[in-house]
Amino acid sequence: MSRFLELAVASAGCFGVSFVGFQVYKRKNEQVAIKSEPYVSQALGILQGYNVVMDRLGSPLTLHNISRDPSENSVDPLAGNAKLKIPVSGSKGPSAFLYLWATRPPITTETPKNEIPEWKINQLDIELGPEYRWTFYIHKDHMKDDKLKVSNVDIPEKLWEETS
């Protein structure tokens, strides 16, 4: 009977290691898939053109793992809505969060596979620390949208001071 228990424990241990390994593999593939989405590439391109932030972060930008928390990140490819909080950092070291909102027309069963609509970035915010978050990009079609609350924010000089 003890031999049976030893085999059972060994089998359970192998299963547990395999399960954990699969979950790590699955999580890594999810991250690669999200980071390669067109709206993420578009957002990074816009951010890289924003000299105020790029001077602070430095090039090249590195994307870090995106949280799976649905209150921070949600993507519905069929409905055409994406909301992400993307951790980024640059060669100068400080980290930031890039917030993006993107949409595209909904995909239905009648949408031809070769005519999938493109994503459009609606708004991008950058957060450099908990007190420094501002909108730096709004798509021209959303400039008069009452749902968007945008204010001009003066960037405090102390934000740009080097920290030791």
N, C-alpha and C. Protein backbone atom coordinates (compact mmCIF):
# COMPACT_ATOMS: atom_id res chain seq x y z
N MET A 1 0.82 -1.20 0.00
CA MET A 1 0.00 0.00 0.00
C MET A 1 0.85 1.25 0.00
N SER A 2 1.98 1.23 0.71
CA SER A 2 2.83 2.41 0.75
C SER A 2 3.43 2.70 -0.62
N ARG A 3 3.71 1.68 -1.42
CA ARG A 3 4.24 1.87 -2.78
C ARG A 3 3.20 2.60 -3.63
N PHE A 4 1.93 2.25 -3.44
CA PHE A 4 0.85 2.91 -4.15
C PHE A 4 0.79 4.39 -3.78
N LEU A 5 0.93 4.71 -2.50
CA LEU A 5 0.92 6.11 -2.06
C LEU A 5 2.11 6.88 -2.63
N GLU A 6 3.27 6.23 -2.65
CA GLU A 6 4.45 6.89 -3.22
C GLU A 6 4.22 7.23 -4.68
N LEU A 7 3.67 6.30 -5.43
CA LEU A 7 3.38 6.54 -6.85
C LEU A 7 2.32 7.63 -7.02
N ALA A 8 1.33 7.62 -6.17
CA ALA A 8 0.27 8.62 -6.24
C ALA A 8 0.83 10.02 -5.95
N VAL A 9 1.65 10.13 -4.93
CA VAL A 9 2.26 11.42 -4.57
C VAL A 9 3.19 11.89 -5.69
N ALA A 10 3.99 10.98 -6.24
CA ALA A 10 4.90 11.33 -7.33
C ALA A 10 4.12 11.78 -8.55
N SER A 11 3.03 11.10 -8.86
CA SER A 11 2.21 11.47 -10.01
C SER A 11 1.57 12.84 -9.80
N ALA A 12 1.06 13.07 -8.60
CA ALA A 12 0.45 14.36 -8.29
C ALA A 12 1.49 15.48 -8.39
N GLY A 13 2.69 15.21 -7.91
CA GLY A 13 3.76 16.21 -7.99
C GLY A 13 4.12 16.53 -9.43
N CYS A 14 4.21 15.50 -10.28
CA CYS A 14 4.51 15.71 -11.70
C CYS A 14 3.39 16.51 -12.36
N PHE A 15 2.14 16.16 -12.02
CA PHE A 15 1.01 16.89 -12.57
C PHE A 15 1.06 18.35 -12.15
N GLY A 16 1.36 18.61 -10.88
CA GLY A 16 1.43 19.98 -10.38
C GLY A 16 2.49 20.79 -11.09
N VAL A 17 3.68 20.21 -11.27
CA VAL A 17 4.76 20.91 -11.98
C VAL A 17 4.36 21.16 -13.43
N SER A 18 3.74 20.18 -14.07
CA SER A 18 3.29 20.34 -15.46
C SER A 18 2.23 21.43 -15.55
N PHE A 19 1.30 21.44 -14.61
CA PHE A 19 0.24 22.44 -14.61
C PHE A 19 0.81 23.85 -14.45
N VAL A 20 1.71 24.03 -13.50
CA VAL A 20 2.33 25.34 -13.27
C VAL A 20 3.12 25.75 -14.50
N GLY A 21 3.86 24.82 -15.08
CA GLY A 21 4.63 25.13 -16.29
C GLY A 21 3.73 25.55 -17.42
N PHE A 22 2.59 24.86 -17.59
CA PHE A 22 1.64 25.23 -18.63
C PHE A 22 1.07 26.62 -18.38
N GLN A 23 0.75 26.95 -17.13
CA GLN A 23 0.20 28.26 -16.82
C GLN A 23 1.20 29.36 -17.13
N VAL A 24 2.47 29.14 -16.82
CA VAL A 24 3.51 30.13 -17.14
C VAL A 24 3.61 30.31 -18.65
N TYR A 25 3.61 29.20 -19.38
CA TYR A 25 3.67 29.23 -20.84
C TYR A 25 2.47 29.99 -21.41
N LYS A 26 1.28 29.68 -20.89
CA LYS A 26 0.05 30.34 -21.35
C LYS A 26 0.10 31.84 -21.07
N ARG A 27 0.53 32.22 -19.88
CA ARG A 27 0.62 33.64 -19.51
C ARG A 27 1.60 34.38 -20.41
N LYS A 28 2.74 33.74 -20.70
CA LYS A 28 3.73 34.37 -21.57
C LYS A 28 3.15 34.58 -22.97
N ASN A 29 2.44 33.59 -23.49
CA ASN A 29 1.82 33.74 -24.81
C ASN A 29 0.75 34.81 -24.83
N GLU A 30 -0.02 34.94 -23.73
CA GLU A 30 -1.01 36.01 -23.64
C GLU A 30 -0.33 37.37 -23.70
N GLN A 31 0.78 37.52 -22.98
CA GLN A 31 1.51 38.79 -22.97
C GLN A 31 2.03 39.12 -24.37
N VAL A 32 2.60 38.13 -25.04
CA VAL A 32 3.12 38.35 -26.40
C VAL A 32 1.98 38.75 -27.33
N ALA A 33 0.83 38.09 -27.20
CA ALA A 33 -0.32 38.40 -28.06
C ALA A 33 -0.82 39.82 -27.83
N ILE A 34 -0.96 40.23 -26.57
CA ILE A 34 -1.44 41.58 -26.27
C ILE A 34 -0.46 42.62 -26.78
N LYS A 35 0.83 42.41 -26.52
CA LYS A 35 1.84 43.39 -26.91
C LYS A 35 1.98 43.52 -28.42
N SER A 36 1.55 42.51 -29.17
CA SER A 36 1.67 42.58 -30.62
C SER A 36 0.39 43.08 -31.29
N GLU A 37 -0.61 43.42 -30.51
CA GLU A 37 -1.85 43.94 -31.09
C GLU A 37 -1.60 45.30 -31.77
N PRO A 38 -2.31 45.59 -32.86
CA PRO A 38 -2.09 46.84 -33.59
C PRO A 38 -2.29 48.10 -32.74
N TYR A 39 -3.28 48.08 -31.84
CA TYR A 39 -3.52 49.28 -31.04
C TYR A 39 -2.36 49.54 -30.07
N VAL A 40 -1.67 48.50 -29.59
CA VAL A 40 -0.51 48.69 -28.72
C VAL A 40 0.64 49.27 -29.53
N SER A 41 0.87 48.75 -30.73
CA SER A 41 1.92 49.30 -31.61
C SER A 41 1.65 50.75 -31.96
N GLN A 42 0.41 51.06 -32.28
CA GLN A 42 0.04 52.45 -32.60
C GLN A 42 0.29 53.36 -31.41
N ALA A 43 -0.13 52.92 -30.23
CA ALA A 43 0.03 53.72 -29.02
C ALA A 43 1.51 53.98 -28.73
N LEU A 44 2.34 52.95 -28.88
CA LEU A 44 3.78 53.13 -28.64
C LEU A 44 4.38 54.09 -29.66
N GLY A 45 3.94 54.01 -30.89
CA GLY A 45 4.42 54.94 -31.91
C GLY A 45 4.08 56.38 -31.58
N ILE A 46 2.86 56.60 -31.09
CA ILE A 46 2.46 57.95 -30.69
C ILE A 46 3.27 58.41 -29.49
N LEU A 47 3.44 57.52 -28.51
CA LEU A 47 4.22 57.87 -27.31
C LEU A 47 5.66 58.21 -27.67
N GLN A 48 6.26 57.44 -28.58
CA GLN A 48 7.65 57.71 -28.95
C GLN A 48 7.81 59.05 -29.66
N GLY A 49 6.73 59.58 -30.20
CA GLY A 49 6.78 60.90 -30.81
C GLY A 49 6.53 62.04 -29.82
N TYR A 50 6.27 61.70 -28.56
CA TYR A 50 5.97 62.69 -27.53
C TYR A 50 7.26 62.98 -26.77
N ASN A 51 7.99 63.99 -27.21
CA ASN A 51 9.34 64.26 -26.71
C ASN A 51 9.40 64.55 -25.22
N VAL A 52 8.38 65.17 -24.66
CA VAL A 52 8.40 65.51 -23.24
C VAL A 52 8.58 64.25 -22.38
N VAL A 53 7.86 63.21 -22.73
CA VAL A 53 7.95 61.97 -21.96
C VAL A 53 9.19 61.17 -22.36
N MET A 54 9.49 61.13 -23.65
CA MET A 54 10.63 60.34 -24.11
C MET A 54 11.94 60.90 -23.56
N ASP A 55 12.03 62.20 -23.39
CA ASP A 55 13.24 62.79 -22.77
C ASP A 55 13.40 62.29 -21.34
N ARG A 56 12.30 62.06 -20.67
CA ARG A 56 12.34 61.60 -19.28
C ARG A 56 12.62 60.09 -19.20
N LEU A 57 11.96 59.30 -20.05
CA LEU A 57 12.10 57.85 -19.99
C LEU A 57 13.34 57.34 -20.71
N GLY A 58 13.64 57.93 -21.85
CA GLY A 58 14.76 57.46 -22.67
C GLY A 58 14.32 56.36 -23.64
N SER A 59 15.07 56.20 -24.70
CA SER A 59 14.79 55.16 -25.70
C SER A 59 15.79 54.04 -25.54
N PRO A 60 15.44 52.86 -25.91
CA PRO A 60 14.13 52.39 -26.39
C PRO A 60 13.18 52.13 -25.22
N LEU A 61 11.90 52.06 -25.56
CA LEU A 61 10.90 51.74 -24.55
C LEU A 61 10.80 50.23 -24.36
N THR A 62 10.56 49.83 -23.14
CA THR A 62 10.33 48.42 -22.82
C THR A 62 8.93 48.28 -22.25
N LEU A 63 8.16 47.37 -22.81
CA LEU A 63 6.84 47.06 -22.27
C LEU A 63 7.00 45.96 -21.24
N HIS A 64 6.33 46.12 -20.11
CA HIS A 64 6.37 45.11 -19.06
C HIS A 64 5.04 44.36 -19.06
N ASN A 65 4.94 43.34 -18.22
CA ASN A 65 3.74 42.52 -18.20
C ASN A 65 2.51 43.35 -17.86
N ILE A 66 1.47 43.10 -18.62
CA ILE A 66 0.20 43.80 -18.47
C ILE A 66 -0.66 43.00 -17.51
N SER A 67 -1.25 43.69 -16.56
CA SER A 67 -2.08 43.04 -15.54
C SER A 67 -3.28 42.35 -16.19
N ARG A 68 -3.73 41.27 -15.57
CA ARG A 68 -4.93 40.57 -16.04
C ARG A 68 -6.17 41.07 -15.29
N ASP A 69 -6.01 42.08 -14.46
CA ASP A 69 -7.12 42.63 -13.68
C ASP A 69 -8.12 43.31 -14.64
N PRO A 70 -9.36 42.82 -14.71
CA PRO A 70 -10.32 43.38 -15.65
C PRO A 70 -10.72 44.83 -15.35
N SER A 71 -10.48 45.31 -14.13
CA SER A 71 -10.79 46.71 -13.85
C SER A 71 -9.75 47.64 -14.50
N GLU A 72 -8.56 47.11 -14.78
CA GLU A 72 -7.52 47.91 -15.43
C GLU A 72 -7.42 47.64 -16.93
N ASN A 73 -7.68 46.42 -17.33
CA ASN A 73 -7.48 46.02 -18.71
C ASN A 73 -8.64 45.18 -19.21
N SER A 74 -9.19 45.58 -20.33
CA SER A 74 -10.23 44.77 -20.96
C SER A 74 -10.17 44.98 -22.46
N VAL A 75 -10.30 43.88 -23.16
CA VAL A 75 -10.32 43.91 -24.63
C VAL A 75 -11.46 43.03 -25.09
N ASP A 76 -12.32 43.60 -25.91
CA ASP A 76 -13.41 42.84 -26.52
C ASP A 76 -13.27 43.00 -28.03
N PRO A 77 -12.56 42.08 -28.69
CA PRO A 77 -12.31 42.25 -30.12
C PRO A 77 -13.57 42.22 -30.97
N LEU A 78 -14.60 41.48 -30.54
CA LEU A 78 -15.83 41.43 -31.33
C LEU A 78 -16.61 42.73 -31.23
N ALA A 79 -16.73 43.28 -30.03
CA ALA A 79 -17.43 44.55 -29.85
C ALA A 79 -16.57 45.73 -30.30
N GLY A 80 -15.25 45.53 -30.36
CA GLY A 80 -14.36 46.58 -30.83
C GLY A 80 -13.99 47.59 -29.77
N ASN A 81 -13.75 47.13 -28.55
CA ASN A 81 -13.35 48.03 -27.46
C ASN A 81 -12.09 47.49 -26.78
N ALA A 82 -11.15 48.39 -26.52
CA ALA A 82 -9.94 48.01 -25.78
C ALA A 82 -9.59 49.12 -24.81
N LYS A 83 -9.30 48.72 -23.58
CA LYS A 83 -8.86 49.64 -22.53
C LYS A 83 -7.71 48.96 -21.83
N LEU A 84 -6.51 49.58 -21.88
CA LEU A 84 -5.33 48.95 -21.29
C LEU A 84 -4.53 49.94 -20.46
N LYS A 85 -3.90 49.42 -19.43
CA LYS A 85 -2.92 50.12 -18.62
C LYS A 85 -1.61 49.37 -18.82
N ILE A 86 -0.69 49.99 -19.57
CA ILE A 86 0.53 49.30 -19.99
C ILE A 86 1.73 49.86 -19.23
N PRO A 87 2.40 49.04 -18.43
CA PRO A 87 3.62 49.50 -17.77
C PRO A 87 4.77 49.58 -18.79
N VAL A 88 5.43 50.73 -18.84
CA VAL A 88 6.56 50.93 -19.75
C VAL A 88 7.72 51.55 -18.98
N SER A 89 8.92 51.35 -19.51
CA SER A 89 10.09 52.03 -18.97
C SER A 89 11.03 52.28 -20.13
N GLY A 90 11.99 53.16 -19.90
CA GLY A 90 12.97 53.47 -20.93
C GLY A 90 14.37 53.27 -20.42
N SER A 91 15.34 53.67 -21.23
CA SER A 91 16.74 53.44 -20.89
C SER A 91 17.21 54.27 -19.70
N LYS A 92 16.47 55.34 -19.37
CA LYS A 92 16.87 56.18 -18.24
C LYS A 92 16.34 55.67 -16.91
N GLY A 93 15.53 54.62 -16.95
CA GLY A 93 15.17 53.95 -15.71
C GLY A 93 13.79 54.16 -15.16
N PRO A 94 13.23 55.38 -15.12
CA PRO A 94 11.93 55.50 -14.45
C PRO A 94 10.84 54.75 -15.22
N SER A 95 9.89 54.23 -14.48
CA SER A 95 8.79 53.54 -15.13
C SER A 95 7.58 54.45 -15.21
N ALA A 96 6.66 54.09 -16.09
CA ALA A 96 5.45 54.88 -16.29
C ALA A 96 4.34 53.93 -16.67
N PHE A 97 3.12 54.45 -16.70
CA PHE A 97 1.98 53.70 -17.20
C PHE A 97 1.41 54.46 -18.39
N LEU A 98 1.20 53.72 -19.46
CA LEU A 98 0.54 54.26 -20.64
C LEU A 98 -0.88 53.70 -20.64
N TYR A 99 -1.87 54.59 -20.59
CA TYR A 99 -3.27 54.19 -20.61
C TYR A 99 -3.78 54.40 -22.03
N LEU A 100 -4.45 53.39 -22.58
CA LEU A 100 -4.98 53.57 -23.92
C LEU A 100 -6.41 53.11 -24.01
N TRP A 101 -7.16 53.82 -24.84
CA TRP A 101 -8.53 53.48 -25.17
C TRP A 101 -8.59 53.42 -26.68
N ALA A 102 -9.05 52.30 -27.21
CA ALA A 102 -9.14 52.13 -28.65
C ALA A 102 -10.48 51.48 -29.00
N THR A 103 -10.93 51.77 -30.21
CA THR A 103 -12.18 51.18 -30.69
C THR A 103 -12.03 50.80 -32.17
N ARG A 104 -12.95 49.99 -32.61
CA ARG A 104 -13.13 49.69 -34.02
C ARG A 104 -14.58 49.26 -34.19
N PRO A 105 -15.09 49.30 -35.41
CA PRO A 105 -16.47 48.84 -35.61
C PRO A 105 -16.62 47.38 -35.18
N PRO A 106 -17.78 47.03 -34.64
CA PRO A 106 -17.98 45.65 -34.18
C PRO A 106 -17.85 44.65 -35.33
N ILE A 107 -17.42 43.45 -34.98
CA ILE A 107 -17.32 42.37 -35.96
C ILE A 107 -18.54 41.47 -35.78
N THR A 108 -19.20 41.20 -36.88
CA THR A 108 -20.38 40.34 -36.85
C THR A 108 -20.11 39.10 -37.70
N THR A 109 -21.07 38.21 -37.73
CA THR A 109 -20.92 37.01 -38.57
C THR A 109 -20.91 37.36 -40.05
N GLU A 110 -21.40 38.55 -40.38
CA GLU A 110 -21.42 38.98 -41.78
C GLU A 110 -20.17 39.74 -42.19
N THR A 111 -19.28 40.00 -41.24
CA THR A 111 -18.04 40.71 -41.57
C THR A 111 -17.10 39.76 -42.31
N PRO A 112 -16.74 40.09 -43.56
CA PRO A 112 -15.80 39.21 -44.28
C PRO A 112 -14.45 39.18 -43.57
N LYS A 113 -13.82 37.99 -43.55
CA LYS A 113 -12.55 37.83 -42.85
C LYS A 113 -11.46 38.73 -43.40
N ASN A 114 -11.52 39.05 -44.69
CA ASN A 114 -10.50 39.91 -45.27
C ASN A 114 -10.83 41.39 -45.14
N GLU A 115 -11.92 41.71 -44.43
CA GLU A 115 -12.31 43.11 -44.24
C GLU A 115 -12.51 43.45 -42.76
N ILE A 116 -11.67 42.89 -41.91
CA ILE A 116 -11.76 43.20 -40.47
C ILE A 116 -11.38 44.67 -40.29
N PRO A 117 -12.23 45.45 -39.62
CA PRO A 117 -11.92 46.88 -39.46
C PRO A 117 -10.68 47.12 -38.60
N GLU A 118 -10.02 48.22 -38.87
CA GLU A 118 -8.81 48.57 -38.13
C GLU A 118 -9.16 49.25 -36.81
N TRP A 119 -8.24 49.07 -35.84
CA TRP A 119 -8.38 49.74 -34.55
C TRP A 119 -7.99 51.20 -34.68
N LYS A 120 -8.65 52.04 -33.87
CA LYS A 120 -8.33 53.46 -33.83
C LYS A 120 -8.08 53.85 -32.37
N ILE A 121 -6.95 54.48 -32.12
CA ILE A 121 -6.65 54.97 -30.77
C ILE A 121 -7.53 56.20 -30.54
N ASN A 122 -8.31 56.18 -29.47
CA ASN A 122 -9.17 57.32 -29.14
C ASN A 122 -8.48 58.28 -28.18
N GLN A 123 -7.78 57.73 -27.19
CA GLN A 123 -7.16 58.57 -26.18
C GLN A 123 -5.97 57.85 -25.58
N LEU A 124 -4.93 58.62 -25.25
CA LEU A 124 -3.76 58.09 -24.55
C LEU A 124 -3.44 59.01 -23.38
N ASP A 125 -3.21 58.40 -22.22
CA ASP A 125 -2.76 59.12 -21.03
C ASP A 125 -1.40 58.55 -20.64
N ILE A 126 -0.61 59.35 -19.97
CA ILE A 126 0.66 58.89 -19.43
C ILE A 126 0.67 59.20 -17.94
N GLU A 127 1.20 58.29 -17.15
CA GLU A 127 1.32 58.49 -15.70
C GLU A 127 2.77 58.29 -15.31
N LEU A 128 3.38 59.36 -14.83
CA LEU A 128 4.76 59.31 -14.32
C LEU A 128 4.68 59.54 -12.83
N GLY A 129 4.33 58.53 -12.11
CA GLY A 129 4.13 58.67 -10.67
C GLY A 129 2.67 58.92 -10.39
N PRO A 130 2.23 58.66 -9.17
CA PRO A 130 0.80 58.75 -8.84
C PRO A 130 0.21 60.15 -8.96
N GLU A 131 1.03 61.18 -8.87
CA GLU A 131 0.50 62.54 -8.92
C GLU A 131 0.59 63.17 -10.30
N TYR A 132 1.21 62.49 -11.25
CA TYR A 132 1.47 63.09 -12.55
C TYR A 132 0.90 62.23 -13.66
N ARG A 133 -0.38 62.46 -13.94
CA ARG A 133 -1.05 61.77 -15.04
C ARG A 133 -1.77 62.80 -15.88
N TRP A 134 -1.58 62.71 -17.19
CA TRP A 134 -2.26 63.64 -18.07
C TRP A 134 -2.51 62.99 -19.43
N THR A 135 -3.51 63.55 -20.14
CA THR A 135 -3.85 63.10 -21.48
C THR A 135 -2.94 63.81 -22.46
N PHE A 136 -2.30 63.05 -23.36
CA PHE A 136 -1.43 63.69 -24.33
C PHE A 136 -1.86 63.42 -25.77
N TYR A 137 -2.89 62.59 -25.95
CA TYR A 137 -3.38 62.34 -27.30
C TYR A 137 -4.86 62.05 -27.25
N ILE A 138 -5.61 62.71 -28.13
CA ILE A 138 -7.03 62.43 -28.34
C ILE A 138 -7.25 62.43 -29.84
N HIS A 139 -7.88 61.40 -30.35
CA HIS A 139 -8.18 61.34 -31.78
C HIS A 139 -9.11 62.48 -32.15
N LYS A 140 -8.91 63.04 -33.32
CA LYS A 140 -9.68 64.22 -33.73
C LYS A 140 -11.19 63.98 -33.71
N ASP A 141 -11.63 62.74 -33.94
CA ASP A 141 -13.06 62.44 -33.91
C ASP A 141 -13.66 62.51 -32.51
N HIS A 142 -12.82 62.53 -31.48
CA HIS A 142 -13.30 62.53 -30.10
C HIS A 142 -13.05 63.85 -29.38
N MET A 143 -12.61 64.86 -30.10
CA MET A 143 -12.29 66.13 -29.46
C MET A 143 -13.50 66.79 -28.80
N LYS A 144 -14.68 66.58 -29.33
CA LYS A 144 -15.87 67.23 -28.78
C LYS A 144 -16.75 66.26 -28.02
N ASP A 145 -16.23 65.10 -27.71
CA ASP A 145 -16.97 64.08 -26.99
C ASP A 145 -17.14 64.52 -25.53
N ASP A 146 -18.39 64.62 -25.09
CA ASP A 146 -18.66 65.06 -23.71
C ASP A 146 -18.16 64.07 -22.67
N LYS A 147 -17.93 62.82 -23.07
CA LYS A 147 -17.47 61.82 -22.11
C LYS A 147 -16.00 61.99 -21.76
N LEU A 148 -15.27 62.69 -22.60
CA LEU A 148 -13.84 62.88 -22.34
C LEU A 148 -13.64 64.16 -21.54
N LYS A 149 -13.06 64.04 -20.41
CA LYS A 149 -12.76 65.19 -19.56
C LYS A 149 -11.26 65.44 -19.65
N VAL A 150 -10.88 66.44 -20.39
CA VAL A 150 -9.47 66.72 -20.60
C VAL A 150 -9.16 68.09 -20.05
N SER A 151 -8.07 68.17 -19.32
CA SER A 151 -7.64 69.46 -18.81
C SER A 151 -6.18 69.66 -19.17
N ASN A 152 -5.79 70.90 -19.34
CA ASN A 152 -4.38 71.19 -19.57
C ASN A 152 -3.67 71.11 -18.24
N VAL A 153 -2.61 70.36 -18.21
CA VAL A 153 -1.87 70.15 -16.98
C VAL A 153 -0.47 70.70 -17.17
N ASP A 154 -0.07 71.60 -16.27
CA ASP A 154 1.31 72.07 -16.28
C ASP A 154 2.16 71.00 -15.61
N ILE A 155 3.23 70.63 -16.25
CA ILE A 155 4.11 69.61 -15.70
C ILE A 155 5.04 70.29 -14.70
N PRO A 156 4.98 69.90 -13.44
CA PRO A 156 5.84 70.53 -12.44
C PRO A 156 7.32 70.29 -12.75
N GLU A 157 8.12 71.30 -12.49
CA GLU A 157 9.56 71.19 -12.75
C GLU A 157 10.19 70.07 -11.93
N LYS A 158 9.71 69.85 -10.69
CA LYS A 158 10.33 68.83 -9.85
C LYS A 158 10.20 67.44 -10.45
N LEU A 159 9.25 67.23 -11.37
CA LEU A 159 9.10 65.95 -12.03
C LEU A 159 10.34 65.63 -12.85
N TRP A 160 10.99 66.64 -13.38
CA TRP A 160 12.09 66.42 -14.30
C TRP A 160 13.44 66.41 -13.60
N GLU A 161 13.45 66.68 -12.30
CA GLU A 161 14.72 66.65 -11.56
C GLU A 161 15.21 65.23 -11.44
N GLU A 162 16.49 65.07 -11.51
CA GLU A 162 17.08 63.74 -11.36
C GLU A 162 16.95 63.30 -9.90
N THR A 163 16.65 62.04 -9.72
CA THR A 163 16.56 61.52 -8.36
C THR A 163 17.83 60.74 -8.07
N SER A 164 18.25 60.76 -6.84
CA SER A 164 19.48 60.03 -6.50
C SER A 164 19.18 58.82 -5.66
